[in-house]
Structure formats: structure tokens, C-alpha cells
Amino acid sequence: MKNKNLKIRTIVLLSSFIVIALSLIILGYLTIKISKTYFTKEIANQLAA
């Protein structure tokens, strides 16, 4: 019985870790994308001015 509980706990830990890692990757990707478009607009404005 103890072994089964340990297995379930490990699976839960792994899945939660994967979810956290994925959300961090998505957040980082979105941040980079947004900042890139923002900086591109800023540079375009600077060049236009």
C-alpha cells in the first residue's frame, strides 16, 4: 500500500512540475513576443521622428 501511495505522489509531483514548466515557457515566449513588437514599434517611431 505504501508503495502505491508513493507512486501516485510521484506522478502528481511530476505532472504539476510539467504544468509549471509549460506555463513558465509560455509566459516567457509571450513576454519576448510582446517586448519584441513593442521595441520594433519604438524603433520605427524613433526612425520616423
PDB file of N, CA and C in Angstrom:
ATOM      1  N   MET A   1       0.836  -1.207   0.000  1.00  0.00           N
ATOM      2  CA  MET A   1       0.000   0.000   0.000  1.00  0.00           C
ATOM      3  C   MET A   1       0.871   1.257   0.000  1.00  0.00           C
ATOM      4  N   LYS A   2       1.931   1.237   0.806  1.00  0.00           N
ATOM      5  CA  LYS A   2       2.808   2.408   0.858  1.00  0.00           C
ATOM      6  C   LYS A   2       3.417   2.700  -0.509  1.00  0.00           C
ATOM      7  N   ASN A   3       3.824   1.624  -1.185  1.00  0.00           N
ATOM      8  CA  ASN A   3       4.456   1.787  -2.490  1.00  0.00           C
ATOM      9  C   ASN A   3       3.512   2.461  -3.479  1.00  0.00           C
ATOM     10  N   LYS A   4       2.233   2.075  -3.442  1.00  0.00           N
ATOM     11  CA  LYS A   4       1.251   2.658  -4.362  1.00  0.00           C
ATOM     12  C   LYS A   4       1.095   4.151  -4.105  1.00  0.00           C
ATOM     13  N   ASN A   5       1.017   4.520  -2.818  1.00  0.00           N
ATOM     14  CA  ASN A   5       0.880   5.933  -2.480  1.00  0.00           C
ATOM     15  C   ASN A   5       2.082   6.736  -2.971  1.00  0.00           C
ATOM     16  N   LEU A   6       3.257   6.162  -2.826  1.00  0.00           N
ATOM     17  CA  LEU A   6       4.469   6.838  -3.275  1.00  0.00           C
ATOM     18  C   LEU A   6       4.430   7.052  -4.782  1.00  0.00           C
ATOM     19  N   LYS A   7       3.967   6.018  -5.506  1.00  0.00           N
ATOM     20  CA  LYS A   7       3.886   6.117  -6.960  1.00  0.00           C
ATOM     21  C   LYS A   7       2.941   7.244  -7.365  1.00  0.00           C
ATOM     22  N   ILE A   8       1.766   7.272  -6.716  1.00  0.00           N
ATOM     23  CA  ILE A   8       0.772   8.311  -7.042  1.00  0.00           C
ATOM     24  C   ILE A   8       1.346   9.690  -6.738  1.00  0.00           C
ATOM     25  N   ARG A   9       2.013   9.809  -5.586  1.00  0.00           N
ATOM     26  CA  ARG A   9       2.591  11.098  -5.206  1.00  0.00           C
ATOM     27  C   ARG A   9       3.629  11.541  -6.232  1.00  0.00           C
ATOM     28  N   THR A  10       4.465  10.600  -6.675  1.00  0.00           N
ATOM     29  CA  THR A  10       5.485  10.930  -7.674  1.00  0.00           C
ATOM     30  C   THR A  10       4.842  11.412  -8.963  1.00  0.00           C
ATOM     31  N   ILE A  11       3.776  10.721  -9.399  1.00  0.00           N
ATOM     32  CA  ILE A  11       3.093  11.113 -10.636  1.00  0.00           C
ATOM     33  C   ILE A  11       2.501  12.507 -10.491  1.00  0.00           C
ATOM     34  N   VAL A  12       1.887  12.772  -9.346  1.00  0.00           N
ATOM     35  CA  VAL A  12       1.292  14.093  -9.114  1.00  0.00           C
ATOM     36  C   VAL A  12       2.378  15.170  -9.134  1.00  0.00           C
ATOM     37  N   LEU A  13       3.496  14.898  -8.460  1.00  0.00           N
ATOM     38  CA  LEU A  13       4.591  15.869  -8.438  1.00  0.00           C
ATOM     39  C   LEU A  13       5.116  16.134  -9.845  1.00  0.00           C
ATOM     40  N   LEU A  14       5.312  15.056 -10.612  1.00  0.00           N
ATOM     41  CA  LEU A  14       5.829  15.200 -11.969  1.00  0.00           C
ATOM     42  C   LEU A  14       4.867  16.004 -12.835  1.00  0.00           C
ATOM     43  N   SER A  15       3.583  15.681 -12.765  1.00  0.00           N
ATOM     44  CA  SER A  15       2.616  16.377 -13.614  1.00  0.00           C
ATOM     45  C   SER A  15       2.519  17.855 -13.237  1.00  0.00           C
ATOM     46  N   SER A  16       2.540  18.149 -11.936  1.00  0.00           N
ATOM     47  CA  SER A  16       2.475  19.552 -11.535  1.00  0.00           C
ATOM     48  C   SER A  16       3.746  20.284 -11.976  1.00  0.00           C
ATOM     49  N   PHE A  17       4.891  19.605 -11.890  1.00  0.00           N
ATOM     50  CA  PHE A  17       6.142  20.213 -12.346  1.00  0.00           C
ATOM     51  C   PHE A  17       6.078  20.515 -13.837  1.00  0.00           C
ATOM     52  N   ILE A  18       5.542  19.566 -14.611  1.00  0.00           N
ATOM     53  CA  ILE A  18       5.426  19.762 -16.065  1.00  0.00           C
ATOM     54  C   ILE A  18       4.505  20.940 -16.367  1.00  0.00           C
ATOM     55  N   VAL A  19       3.385  21.025 -15.632  1.00  0.00           N
ATOM     56  CA  VAL A  19       2.443  22.129 -15.858  1.00  0.00           C
ATOM     57  C   VAL A  19       3.112  23.467 -15.558  1.00  0.00           C
ATOM     58  N   ILE A  20       3.854  23.529 -14.447  1.00  0.00           N
ATOM     59  CA  ILE A  20       4.538  24.780 -14.081  1.00  0.00           C
ATOM     60  C   ILE A  20       5.573  25.142 -15.143  1.00  0.00           C
ATOM     61  N   ALA A  21       6.346  24.147 -15.589  1.00  0.00           N
ATOM     62  CA  ALA A  21       7.373  24.408 -16.601  1.00  0.00           C
ATOM     63  C   ALA A  21       6.739  24.916 -17.892  1.00  0.00           C
ATOM     64  N   LEU A  22       5.640  24.291 -18.302  1.00  0.00           N
ATOM     65  CA  LEU A  22       4.973  24.711 -19.536  1.00  0.00           C
ATOM     66  C   LEU A  22       4.449  26.134 -19.421  1.00  0.00           C
ATOM     67  N   SER A  23       3.824  26.462 -18.297  1.00  0.00           N
ATOM     68  CA  SER A  23       3.285  27.815 -18.149  1.00  0.00           C
ATOM     69  C   SER A  23       4.417  28.841 -18.120  1.00  0.00           C
ATOM     70  N   LEU A  24       5.559  28.479 -17.511  1.00  0.00           N
ATOM     71  CA  LEU A  24       6.706  29.390 -17.499  1.00  0.00           C
ATOM     72  C   LEU A  24       7.219  29.619 -18.921  1.00  0.00           C
ATOM     73  N   ILE A  25       7.306  28.535 -19.698  1.00  0.00           N
ATOM     74  CA  ILE A  25       7.778  28.651 -21.084  1.00  0.00           C
ATOM     75  C   ILE A  25       6.833  29.534 -21.886  1.00  0.00           C
ATOM     76  N   ILE A  26       5.520  29.303 -21.724  1.00  0.00           N
ATOM     77  CA  ILE A  26       4.533  30.095 -22.462  1.00  0.00           C
ATOM     78  C   ILE A  26       4.622  31.567 -22.052  1.00  0.00           C
ATOM     79  N   LEU A  27       4.759  31.812 -20.752  1.00  0.00           N
ATOM     80  CA  LEU A  27       4.870  33.190 -20.261  1.00  0.00           C
ATOM     81  C   LEU A  27       6.105  33.872 -20.843  1.00  0.00           C
ATOM     82  N   GLY A  28       7.228  33.166 -20.810  1.00  0.00           N
ATOM     83  CA  GLY A  28       8.451  33.727 -21.368  1.00  0.00           C
ATOM     84  C   GLY A  28       8.325  34.024 -22.846  1.00  0.00           C
ATOM     85  N   TYR A  29       7.703  33.088 -23.576  1.00  0.00           N
ATOM     86  CA  TYR A  29       7.512  33.269 -25.017  1.00  0.00           C
ATOM     87  C   TYR A  29       6.652  34.495 -25.297  1.00  0.00           C
ATOM     88  N   LEU A  30       5.542  34.611 -24.560  1.00  0.00           N
ATOM     89  CA  LEU A  30       4.649  35.754 -24.758  1.00  0.00           C
ATOM     90  C   LEU A  30       5.363  37.052 -24.406  1.00  0.00           C
ATOM     91  N   THR A  31       6.119  37.050 -23.315  1.00  0.00           N
ATOM     92  CA  THR A  31       6.839  38.258 -22.903  1.00  0.00           C
ATOM     93  C   THR A  31       7.812  38.694 -23.986  1.00  0.00           C
ATOM     94  N   ILE A  32       8.562  37.724 -24.529  1.00  0.00           N
ATOM     95  CA  ILE A  32       9.535  38.043 -25.579  1.00  0.00           C
ATOM     96  C   ILE A  32       8.813  38.575 -26.813  1.00  0.00           C
ATOM     97  N   LYS A  33       7.698  37.921 -27.178  1.00  0.00           N
ATOM     98  CA  LYS A  33       6.958  38.339 -28.361  1.00  0.00           C
ATOM     99  C   LYS A  33       6.436  39.764 -28.190  1.00  0.00           C
ATOM    100  N   ILE A  34       5.839  40.044 -27.025  1.00  0.00           N
ATOM    101  CA  ILE A  34       5.263  41.370 -26.779  1.00  0.00           C
ATOM    102  C   ILE A  34       6.360  42.428 -26.761  1.00  0.00           C
ATOM    103  N   SER A  35       7.466  42.138 -26.055  1.00  0.00           N
ATOM    104  CA  SER A  35       8.534  43.129 -25.968  1.00  0.00           C
ATOM    105  C   SER A  35       9.171  43.355 -27.340  1.00  0.00           C
ATOM    106  N   LYS A  36       9.255  42.288 -28.150  1.00  0.00           N
ATOM    107  CA  LYS A  36       9.833  42.449 -29.484  1.00  0.00           C
ATOM    108  C   LYS A  36       8.976  43.376 -30.322  1.00  0.00           C
ATOM    109  N   THR A  37       7.647  43.161 -30.324  1.00  0.00           N
ATOM    110  CA  THR A  37       6.773  44.019 -31.122  1.00  0.00           C
ATOM    111  C   THR A  37       6.819  45.456 -30.585  1.00  0.00           C
ATOM    112  N   TYR A  38       6.888  45.582 -29.255  1.00  0.00           N
ATOM    113  CA  TYR A  38       6.935  46.913 -28.642  1.00  0.00           C
ATOM    114  C   TYR A  38       8.208  47.638 -29.059  1.00  0.00           C
ATOM    115  N   PHE A  39       9.347  46.934 -28.946  1.00  0.00           N
ATOM    116  CA  PHE A  39      10.614  47.572 -29.306  1.00  0.00           C
ATOM    117  C   PHE A  39      10.664  47.880 -30.798  1.00  0.00           C
ATOM    118  N   THR A  40      10.085  47.009 -31.614  1.00  0.00           N
ATOM    119  CA  THR A  40      10.057  47.269 -33.054  1.00  0.00           C
ATOM    120  C   THR A  40       9.274  48.551 -33.330  1.00  0.00           C
ATOM    121  N   LYS A  41       8.144  48.706 -32.648  1.00  0.00           N
ATOM    122  CA  LYS A  41       7.348  49.924 -32.826  1.00  0.00           C
ATOM    123  C   LYS A  41       8.131  51.146 -32.356  1.00  0.00           C
ATOM    124  N   GLU A  42       8.806  51.010 -31.210  1.00  0.00           N
ATOM    125  CA  GLU A  42       9.584  52.124 -30.672  1.00  0.00           C
ATOM    126  C   GLU A  42      10.682  52.535 -31.646  1.00  0.00           C
ATOM    127  N   ILE A  43      11.383  51.547 -32.205  1.00  0.00           N
ATOM    128  CA  ILE A  43      12.466  51.848 -33.151  1.00  0.00           C
ATOM    129  C   ILE A  43      11.893  52.517 -34.397  1.00  0.00           C
ATOM    130  N   ALA A  44      10.758  52.018 -34.863  1.00  0.00           N
ATOM    131  CA  ALA A  44      10.121  52.607 -36.041  1.00  0.00           C
ATOM    132  C   ALA A  44       9.729  54.051 -35.757  1.00  0.00           C
ATOM    133  N   ASN A  45       9.216  54.316 -34.566  1.00  0.00           N
ATOM    134  CA  ASN A  45       8.852  55.684 -34.183  1.00  0.00           C
ATOM    135  C   ASN A  45      10.087  56.578 -34.131  1.00  0.00           C
ATOM    136  N   GLN A  46      11.185  56.057 -33.578  1.00  0.00           N
ATOM    137  CA  GLN A  46      12.419  56.831 -33.483  1.00  0.00           C
ATOM    138  C   GLN A  46      12.942  57.170 -34.881  1.00  0.00           C
ATOM    139  N   LEU A  47      12.876  56.174 -35.779  1.00  0.00           N
ATOM    140  CA  LEU A  47      13.359  56.402 -37.146  1.00  0.00           C
ATOM    141  C   LEU A  47      12.462  57.401 -37.866  1.00  0.00           C
ATOM    142  N   ALA A  48      11.157  57.316 -37.641  1.00  0.00           N
ATOM    143  CA  ALA A  48      10.215  58.225 -38.293  1.00  0.00           C
ATOM    144  C   ALA A  48      10.431  59.653 -37.786  1.00  0.00           C
ATOM    145  N   ALA A  49      10.760  59.793 -36.521  1.00  0.00           N
ATOM    146  CA  ALA A  49      10.959  61.127 -35.941  1.00  0.00           C
ATOM    147  C   ALA A  49      12.364  61.604 -36.260  1.00  0.00           C
TER     148      ALA A  49
END
